[in-house]
Amino acid sequence: MRLQSNELDFKGQNIYVGIDVHLKSWSVAVLSAHSVLKKFRQNPDTGALHSFLTRTYPGANYCSVYEAGFCGFGIHHKLVSLGINNIVVNPADVPTMSKEKLRKTDAVDCSKLARELRSGTLTGIYVPNETVLEMRSLIRLRKLIVKDTTREKNRIKSLLRFHGIDIPEQFTRHSIGNWSKLFLKWLREIELSTEYGRKTLDLHIEQLVRLRAMNLQETRTIRAISRKSPFDETIRLLTSVPGIGITTAISLLVEIDDIHRFSGSGQLASFIGLTPMCHSSGEKSAVGDITVRKHATLRCLLIEAAWVAIRKDPAMTLAFEGFRKKMIAQKAIVKIARKLVNRIFFVLKRKQEYVPCIVQ
């Protein structure tokens, strides 16, 4: 005689979960292999989601996905620690139907993610460990400080122009330049009509000095990291490439993390954004400008490094002069940056220093 059982067992079955992540709430879609099981909104809590899945579909294999964004990888690490097979995807790589573009809601987005996860069309992006993520935050902070410093300088110049104060010619020459100690001393001695204008300028100067001190502290921290194991050896290899300094090297180190995740230098160049766009149809084939998909920080750094490389590496100088016969300098330097990627991939993959005029 068979007894009735009230226990559920989803052992061997896959449950697919699409999560549209927001600051105050999540939209969740749950799918089985053949049907839509449930759609709901919940508080942004991985524990609550895990509790719902284990209670409603006990014993199943849980697979989830969400799009990379403001929340970083913290949610991913929590879901994985709870036993949920999670991936994080680039929003631009999620297949989207026309009607989903015309009618975009949180419910549509999470359903789309769950559907594509079930069909196997989604590929997760690389997720670094927490140590690398924290180092990355520290290194990226320098870029923000430099940007804020430039903005503060522009604010001071704008204030001077607004009040009709001309900068003396001696501070516009390259021999002295703006923002030297002499220039800051001149700024502090400017006489304005009222105490309010003087106070405004003093606060701007104080903010600039504070940002420069922060930049100095950040630079010292970066140099200290570059001398520590296990980063010192990798940075030594990277700085052997002409044009690559310590700041660029440590940025490459934390942004690339594991060079073995790239099959070749072409894939690394695609990740950075130093490959051209193309369009081919039938017998027609056209190659366009540099791709709009990029790692903005690394592409900017490598373009700057390429200008240094053409002065220090004879092979790069020769290549640049050859490109200049066919195109403008701005396009030629992008090709030099692409060559730099080859050298970076070589030294990281083979653990060998770069020797000028040898690596092709």
Protein backbone atom coordinates (compact mmCIF):
# COMPACT_ATOMS: atom_id res chain seq x y z
CA MET A 1 0.00 0.00 0.00
CA ARG A 2 1.45 3.39 -1.09
CA LEU A 3 1.36 6.20 1.44
CA GLN A 4 0.64 9.80 0.52
CA SER A 5 3.65 12.09 0.93
CA ASN A 6 3.55 15.86 1.47
CA GLU A 7 7.29 16.30 0.94
CA LEU A 8 8.56 17.94 -2.26
CA ASP A 9 11.81 16.90 -3.89
CA PHE A 10 13.18 18.76 -6.92
CA LYS A 11 16.42 16.78 -6.91
CA GLY A 12 18.03 16.72 -10.37
CA GLN A 13 15.97 19.67 -11.66
CA ASN A 14 17.30 23.13 -12.50
CA ILE A 15 15.60 26.28 -11.28
CA TYR A 16 16.55 29.44 -13.19
CA VAL A 17 16.36 32.82 -11.45
CA GLY A 18 16.62 36.20 -13.16
CA ILE A 19 17.21 39.16 -10.83
CA ASP A 20 16.73 42.79 -11.84
CA VAL A 21 18.74 44.51 -9.12
CA HIS A 22 17.85 47.94 -7.74
CA LEU A 23 18.85 49.80 -4.61
CA LYS A 24 15.60 49.37 -2.65
CA SER A 25 14.03 46.30 -4.27
CA TRP A 26 14.67 43.36 -6.60
CA SER A 27 12.41 42.03 -9.32
CA VAL A 28 12.73 38.25 -9.53
CA ALA A 29 11.56 35.74 -12.14
CA VAL A 30 11.77 32.01 -11.42
CA LEU A 31 11.65 29.49 -14.29
CA SER A 32 11.83 25.72 -14.54
CA ALA A 33 13.03 23.83 -17.59
CA HIS A 34 9.66 24.22 -19.32
CA SER A 35 7.55 26.86 -17.58
CA VAL A 36 7.41 30.15 -15.71
CA LEU A 37 6.99 29.36 -12.01
CA LYS A 38 6.78 32.73 -10.28
CA LYS A 39 7.44 36.46 -10.59
CA PHE A 40 7.67 38.74 -7.59
CA ARG A 41 9.38 41.72 -5.96
CA GLN A 42 11.40 41.44 -2.78
CA ASN A 43 13.72 43.38 -0.54
CA PRO A 44 17.38 43.42 -1.66
CA ASP A 45 18.34 40.43 0.48
CA THR A 46 20.19 37.35 -0.78
CA GLY A 47 19.22 35.41 2.35
CA ALA A 48 15.50 35.98 1.71
CA LEU A 49 15.86 34.80 -1.89
CA HIS A 50 17.77 31.69 -0.84
CA SER A 51 15.17 30.91 1.84
CA PHE A 52 12.34 31.19 -0.71
CA LEU A 53 14.08 28.89 -3.19
CA THR A 54 14.99 26.19 -0.68
CA ARG A 55 11.54 26.29 0.89
CA THR A 56 9.55 26.25 -2.38
CA TYR A 57 11.82 24.11 -4.57
CA PRO A 58 13.83 21.96 -2.13
CA GLY A 59 16.70 19.90 -3.51
CA ALA A 60 16.89 21.67 -6.88
CA ASN A 61 19.97 23.09 -8.58
CA TYR A 62 19.60 26.86 -8.34
CA CYS A 63 21.05 29.03 -11.14
CA SER A 64 20.77 32.81 -11.06
CA VAL A 65 21.90 35.84 -13.04
CA TYR A 66 21.93 39.61 -12.69
CA GLU A 67 23.39 42.47 -14.70
CA ALA A 68 26.61 44.20 -13.72
CA GLY A 69 26.00 47.66 -12.32
CA PHE A 70 26.17 49.86 -9.26
CA CYS A 71 26.10 46.93 -6.80
CA GLY A 72 29.35 45.41 -8.07
CA PHE A 73 30.04 41.79 -7.18
CA GLY A 74 28.95 41.74 -3.54
CA ILE A 75 25.62 40.11 -4.39
CA HIS A 76 27.42 37.52 -6.51
CA HIS A 77 29.73 36.47 -3.69
CA LYS A 78 26.81 36.17 -1.26
CA LEU A 79 24.72 34.08 -3.66
CA VAL A 80 27.63 31.74 -4.38
CA SER A 81 28.32 31.32 -0.66
CA LEU A 82 24.67 30.24 -0.22
CA GLY A 83 25.06 27.52 -2.85
CA ILE A 84 23.41 29.31 -5.78
CA ASN A 85 25.25 29.08 -9.11
CA ASN A 86 25.26 32.75 -10.05
CA ILE A 87 26.75 34.64 -12.97
CA VAL A 88 27.04 38.38 -13.62
CA VAL A 89 26.49 39.54 -17.20
CA ASN A 90 27.22 42.65 -19.23
CA PRO A 91 23.84 44.34 -19.90
CA ALA A 92 24.89 44.99 -23.50
CA ASP A 93 25.32 41.24 -24.09
CA VAL A 94 21.81 40.19 -23.05
CA PRO A 95 19.73 39.22 -26.15
CA THR A 96 16.64 41.47 -26.27
CA MET A 97 13.56 41.13 -28.47
CA SER A 98 12.00 44.15 -30.17
CA LYS A 99 8.90 44.12 -27.95
CA GLU A 100 11.13 44.07 -24.85
CA LYS A 101 12.82 47.26 -26.05
CA LEU A 102 9.45 48.93 -26.65
CA ARG A 103 7.98 47.85 -23.33
CA LYS A 104 10.75 47.85 -20.76
CA THR A 105 9.81 47.18 -17.14
CA ASP A 106 11.52 45.50 -14.20
CA ALA A 107 9.29 42.44 -14.64
CA VAL A 108 10.24 42.20 -18.32
CA ASP A 109 13.94 42.58 -17.53
CA CYS A 110 14.10 39.84 -14.88
CA SER A 111 12.02 37.49 -17.08
CA LYS A 112 14.38 38.12 -19.99
CA LEU A 113 17.41 37.31 -17.83
CA ALA A 114 15.87 34.07 -16.53
CA ARG A 115 14.81 33.02 -20.05
CA GLU A 116 18.24 33.61 -21.57
CA LEU A 117 19.93 31.89 -18.63
CA ARG A 118 17.78 28.82 -19.25
CA SER A 119 18.54 28.84 -22.98
CA GLY A 120 22.29 29.03 -22.32
CA THR A 121 22.90 32.22 -24.33
CA LEU A 122 24.41 34.19 -21.43
CA THR A 123 28.12 34.26 -20.66
CA GLY A 124 29.18 35.60 -17.29
CA ILE A 125 31.86 38.26 -17.04
CA TYR A 126 35.06 37.66 -15.10
CA VAL A 127 34.64 38.18 -11.35
CA PRO A 128 37.87 39.02 -9.47
CA ASN A 129 38.35 38.06 -5.85
CA GLU A 130 37.69 40.57 -3.09
CA THR A 131 41.39 41.41 -2.61
CA VAL A 132 41.74 42.48 -6.25
CA LEU A 133 38.46 44.42 -6.11
CA GLU A 134 39.64 46.42 -3.09
CA MET A 135 43.01 47.12 -4.72
CA ARG A 136 41.18 48.17 -7.89
CA SER A 137 39.12 50.67 -5.88
CA LEU A 138 42.31 52.15 -4.43
CA ILE A 139 44.01 52.51 -7.82
CA ARG A 140 40.89 53.95 -9.47
CA LEU A 141 40.68 56.56 -6.73
CA ARG A 142 43.78 58.24 -8.16
CA LYS A 143 41.97 58.94 -11.43
CA LEU A 144 39.12 60.59 -9.53
CA ILE A 145 41.53 62.72 -7.50
CA VAL A 146 43.35 63.89 -10.65
CA LYS A 147 40.02 64.72 -12.30
CA ASP A 148 38.83 66.67 -9.25
CA THR A 149 42.16 68.53 -9.12
CA THR A 150 41.78 69.62 -12.74
CA ARG A 151 38.23 70.79 -12.06
CA GLU A 152 39.35 72.82 -9.06
CA LYS A 153 42.08 74.50 -11.11
CA ASN A 154 39.51 75.41 -13.76
CA ARG A 155 37.21 76.83 -11.08
CA ILE A 156 39.99 79.09 -9.78
CA LYS A 157 40.79 80.33 -13.30
CA SER A 158 37.10 80.93 -13.95
CA LEU A 159 36.80 82.91 -10.72
CA LEU A 160 39.78 85.08 -11.69
CA ARG A 161 38.31 85.78 -15.14
CA PHE A 162 34.91 86.55 -13.61
CA HIS A 163 36.46 89.25 -11.43
CA GLY A 164 38.62 90.60 -14.27
CA ILE A 165 41.96 89.45 -12.84
CA ASP A 166 44.61 88.54 -15.40
CA ILE A 167 47.25 85.92 -14.68
CA PRO A 168 50.76 87.47 -14.99
CA GLU A 169 52.71 86.39 -18.04
CA GLN A 170 55.49 84.93 -15.90
CA PHE A 171 53.12 82.18 -14.74
CA THR A 172 52.01 81.26 -18.25
CA ARG A 173 55.51 80.42 -19.44
CA HIS A 174 56.55 76.75 -19.43
CA SER A 175 59.68 77.51 -17.42
CA ILE A 176 57.58 78.30 -14.35
CA GLY A 177 54.04 77.33 -15.26
CA ASN A 178 50.82 77.57 -13.35
CA TRP A 179 50.18 75.98 -9.97
CA SER A 180 53.77 76.26 -8.74
CA LYS A 181 54.51 77.51 -5.22
CA LEU A 182 55.11 80.99 -6.61
CA PHE A 183 51.75 80.94 -8.39
CA LEU A 184 49.90 79.81 -5.27
CA LYS A 185 51.65 82.56 -3.31
CA TRP A 186 50.46 85.10 -5.90
CA LEU A 187 46.90 83.75 -5.60
CA ARG A 188 46.97 84.21 -1.82
CA GLU A 189 48.13 87.82 -2.20
CA ILE A 190 45.45 88.91 -4.69
CA GLU A 191 43.39 91.84 -3.39
CA LEU A 192 39.65 91.64 -4.01
CA SER A 193 37.01 94.30 -3.40
CA THR A 194 35.42 92.61 -0.39
CA GLU A 195 36.20 89.99 2.19
CA TYR A 196 33.64 87.69 0.58
CA GLY A 197 35.56 87.41 -2.68
CA ARG A 198 38.80 86.85 -0.77
CA LYS A 199 37.16 84.10 1.31
CA THR A 200 35.82 82.40 -1.82
CA LEU A 201 39.26 82.31 -3.42
CA ASP A 202 40.88 81.09 -0.18
CA LEU A 203 38.44 78.17 0.03
CA HIS A 204 39.19 77.20 -3.56
CA ILE A 205 42.93 77.31 -2.87
CA GLU A 206 42.45 75.24 0.29
CA GLN A 207 40.51 72.63 -1.67
CA LEU A 208 43.22 72.50 -4.35
CA VAL A 209 45.98 72.05 -1.76
CA ARG A 210 43.99 69.30 -0.08
CA LEU A 211 43.49 67.45 -3.39
CA ARG A 212 47.20 67.72 -4.24
CA ALA A 213 48.07 66.28 -0.83
CA MET A 214 45.66 63.40 -1.45
CA ASN A 215 47.22 62.78 -4.86
CA LEU A 216 50.69 62.69 -3.28
CA GLN A 217 49.50 60.23 -0.64
CA GLU A 218 47.87 58.06 -3.30
CA THR A 219 51.05 58.06 -5.40
CA ARG A 220 53.16 57.02 -2.41
CA THR A 221 50.72 54.21 -1.63
CA ILE A 222 50.89 52.94 -5.22
CA ARG A 223 54.68 52.95 -5.17
CA ALA A 224 54.70 51.11 -1.84
CA ILE A 225 52.40 48.43 -3.28
CA SER A 226 54.65 48.08 -6.33
CA ARG A 227 57.54 47.07 -4.08
CA LYS A 228 55.59 44.38 -2.21
CA SER A 229 55.30 40.69 -3.09
CA PRO A 230 53.61 39.26 -5.15
CA PHE A 231 53.08 42.46 -7.16
CA ASP A 232 56.72 43.52 -7.47
CA GLU A 233 57.67 40.82 -10.00
CA THR A 234 54.71 41.46 -12.30
CA ILE A 235 55.23 45.23 -12.18
CA ARG A 236 58.94 44.73 -12.96
CA LEU A 237 57.96 42.79 -16.09
CA LEU A 238 55.40 45.37 -17.19
CA THR A 239 57.71 48.35 -16.67
CA SER A 240 60.31 46.69 -18.90
CA VAL A 241 57.98 47.60 -21.81
CA PRO A 242 58.89 51.11 -23.06
CA GLY A 243 56.12 53.56 -22.23
CA ILE A 244 54.77 51.61 -19.24
CA GLY A 245 55.42 53.30 -15.89
CA ILE A 246 54.55 52.19 -12.39
CA THR A 247 51.09 53.78 -12.35
CA THR A 248 50.12 52.26 -15.70
CA ALA A 249 51.64 48.91 -14.69
CA ILE A 250 49.69 48.61 -11.44
CA SER A 251 46.49 49.69 -13.23
CA LEU A 252 47.05 46.90 -15.77
CA LEU A 253 47.74 44.50 -12.91
CA VAL A 254 44.47 45.12 -11.04
CA GLU A 255 42.24 45.52 -14.11
CA ILE A 256 43.49 42.44 -16.00
CA ASP A 257 44.11 40.37 -12.85
CA ASP A 258 44.63 36.97 -14.51
CA ILE A 259 46.26 37.07 -17.94
CA HIS A 260 45.41 33.40 -18.51
CA ARG A 261 41.73 34.25 -18.97
CA PHE A 262 42.70 35.69 -22.37
CA SER A 263 43.47 33.20 -25.13
CA GLY A 264 45.67 35.66 -27.00
CA SER A 265 46.70 39.27 -27.39
CA GLY A 266 43.76 39.85 -29.74
CA GLN A 267 41.28 38.98 -27.01
CA LEU A 268 43.13 41.25 -24.57
CA ALA A 269 43.01 44.08 -27.14
CA SER A 270 39.27 43.52 -27.55
CA PHE A 271 38.82 43.72 -23.77
CA ILE A 272 40.70 47.02 -23.64
CA GLY A 273 38.93 48.38 -26.73
CA LEU A 274 41.77 48.64 -29.25
CA THR A 275 40.12 46.71 -32.09
CA PRO A 276 38.25 48.22 -35.06
CA MET A 277 34.55 47.91 -35.75
CA CYS A 278 33.63 46.08 -38.96
CA HIS A 279 30.59 45.41 -41.10
CA SER A 280 30.49 42.66 -43.70
CA SER A 281 27.57 41.58 -45.89
CA GLY A 282 27.88 39.37 -48.94
CA GLU A 283 30.83 40.51 -51.01
CA LYS A 284 31.10 43.82 -49.19
CA SER A 285 33.42 44.23 -46.24
CA ALA A 286 34.16 47.45 -44.39
CA VAL A 287 36.42 48.16 -41.43
CA GLY A 288 35.43 51.17 -39.35
CA ASP A 289 36.94 53.22 -36.56
CA ILE A 290 38.02 51.98 -33.15
CA THR A 291 35.31 50.09 -31.26
CA VAL A 292 32.98 51.92 -28.90
CA ARG A 293 33.14 48.99 -26.47
CA LYS A 294 36.11 49.56 -24.24
CA HIS A 295 37.74 49.50 -20.86
CA ALA A 296 37.91 53.29 -20.64
CA THR A 297 40.71 53.51 -18.05
CA LEU A 298 43.08 51.05 -19.73
CA ARG A 299 42.51 52.38 -23.23
CA CYS A 300 43.28 55.91 -22.08
CA LEU A 301 46.42 54.79 -20.24
CA LEU A 302 47.72 52.77 -23.19
CA ILE A 303 47.16 55.62 -25.63
CA GLU A 304 49.21 57.87 -23.34
CA ALA A 305 51.86 55.15 -22.97
CA ALA A 306 52.06 54.80 -26.75
CA TRP A 307 53.16 58.44 -27.10
CA VAL A 308 56.03 57.70 -24.71
CA ALA A 309 56.87 54.40 -26.42
CA ILE A 310 57.47 55.98 -29.82
CA ARG A 311 60.21 58.10 -28.21
CA LYS A 312 61.88 55.31 -26.26
CA ASP A 313 61.54 52.19 -28.44
CA PRO A 314 63.18 52.31 -31.92
CA ALA A 315 60.81 49.61 -33.20
CA MET A 316 57.81 51.68 -32.14
CA THR A 317 59.35 54.82 -33.68
CA LEU A 318 59.79 53.05 -37.01
CA ALA A 319 56.26 51.63 -36.92
CA PHE A 320 54.74 55.02 -36.07
CA GLU A 321 56.54 56.73 -38.94
CA GLY A 322 55.25 54.04 -41.28
CA PHE A 323 51.66 54.51 -40.10
CA ARG A 324 51.97 58.30 -40.40
CA LYS A 325 52.46 57.95 -44.16
CA LYS A 326 48.93 56.54 -44.41
CA MET A 327 46.95 58.28 -41.66
CA ILE A 328 46.87 61.12 -39.14
CA ALA A 329 48.85 60.91 -35.90
CA GLN A 330 45.78 60.27 -33.73
CA LYS A 331 44.92 57.12 -35.67
CA ALA A 332 48.54 56.02 -35.95
CA ILE A 333 49.02 56.17 -32.18
CA VAL A 334 46.07 53.81 -31.70
CA LYS A 335 47.91 51.22 -33.79
CA ILE A 336 51.00 51.75 -31.65
CA ALA A 337 48.86 51.17 -28.54
CA ARG A 338 47.67 47.92 -30.14
CA LYS A 339 51.30 46.88 -30.52
CA LEU A 340 51.85 47.72 -26.86
CA VAL A 341 49.11 45.21 -26.02
CA ASN A 342 51.13 42.52 -27.82
CA ARG A 343 54.16 43.30 -25.70
CA ILE A 344 52.14 43.40 -22.48
CA PHE A 345 50.58 40.03 -23.27
CA PHE A 346 54.00 38.58 -24.08
CA VAL A 347 55.71 39.60 -20.83
CA LEU A 348 52.75 38.56 -18.65
CA LYS A 349 52.14 35.25 -20.37
CA ARG A 350 55.76 34.14 -20.63
CA LYS A 351 57.05 35.84 -17.48
CA GLN A 352 59.92 37.39 -19.46
CA GLU A 353 61.15 40.96 -19.62
CA TYR A 354 60.64 42.83 -22.87
CA VAL A 355 63.77 43.34 -24.95
CA PRO A 356 63.51 46.32 -27.37
CA CYS A 357 63.45 45.48 -31.09
CA ILE A 358 63.05 41.73 -30.37
CA VAL A 359 59.37 41.10 -29.63
CA GLN A 360 57.22 41.46 -32.76
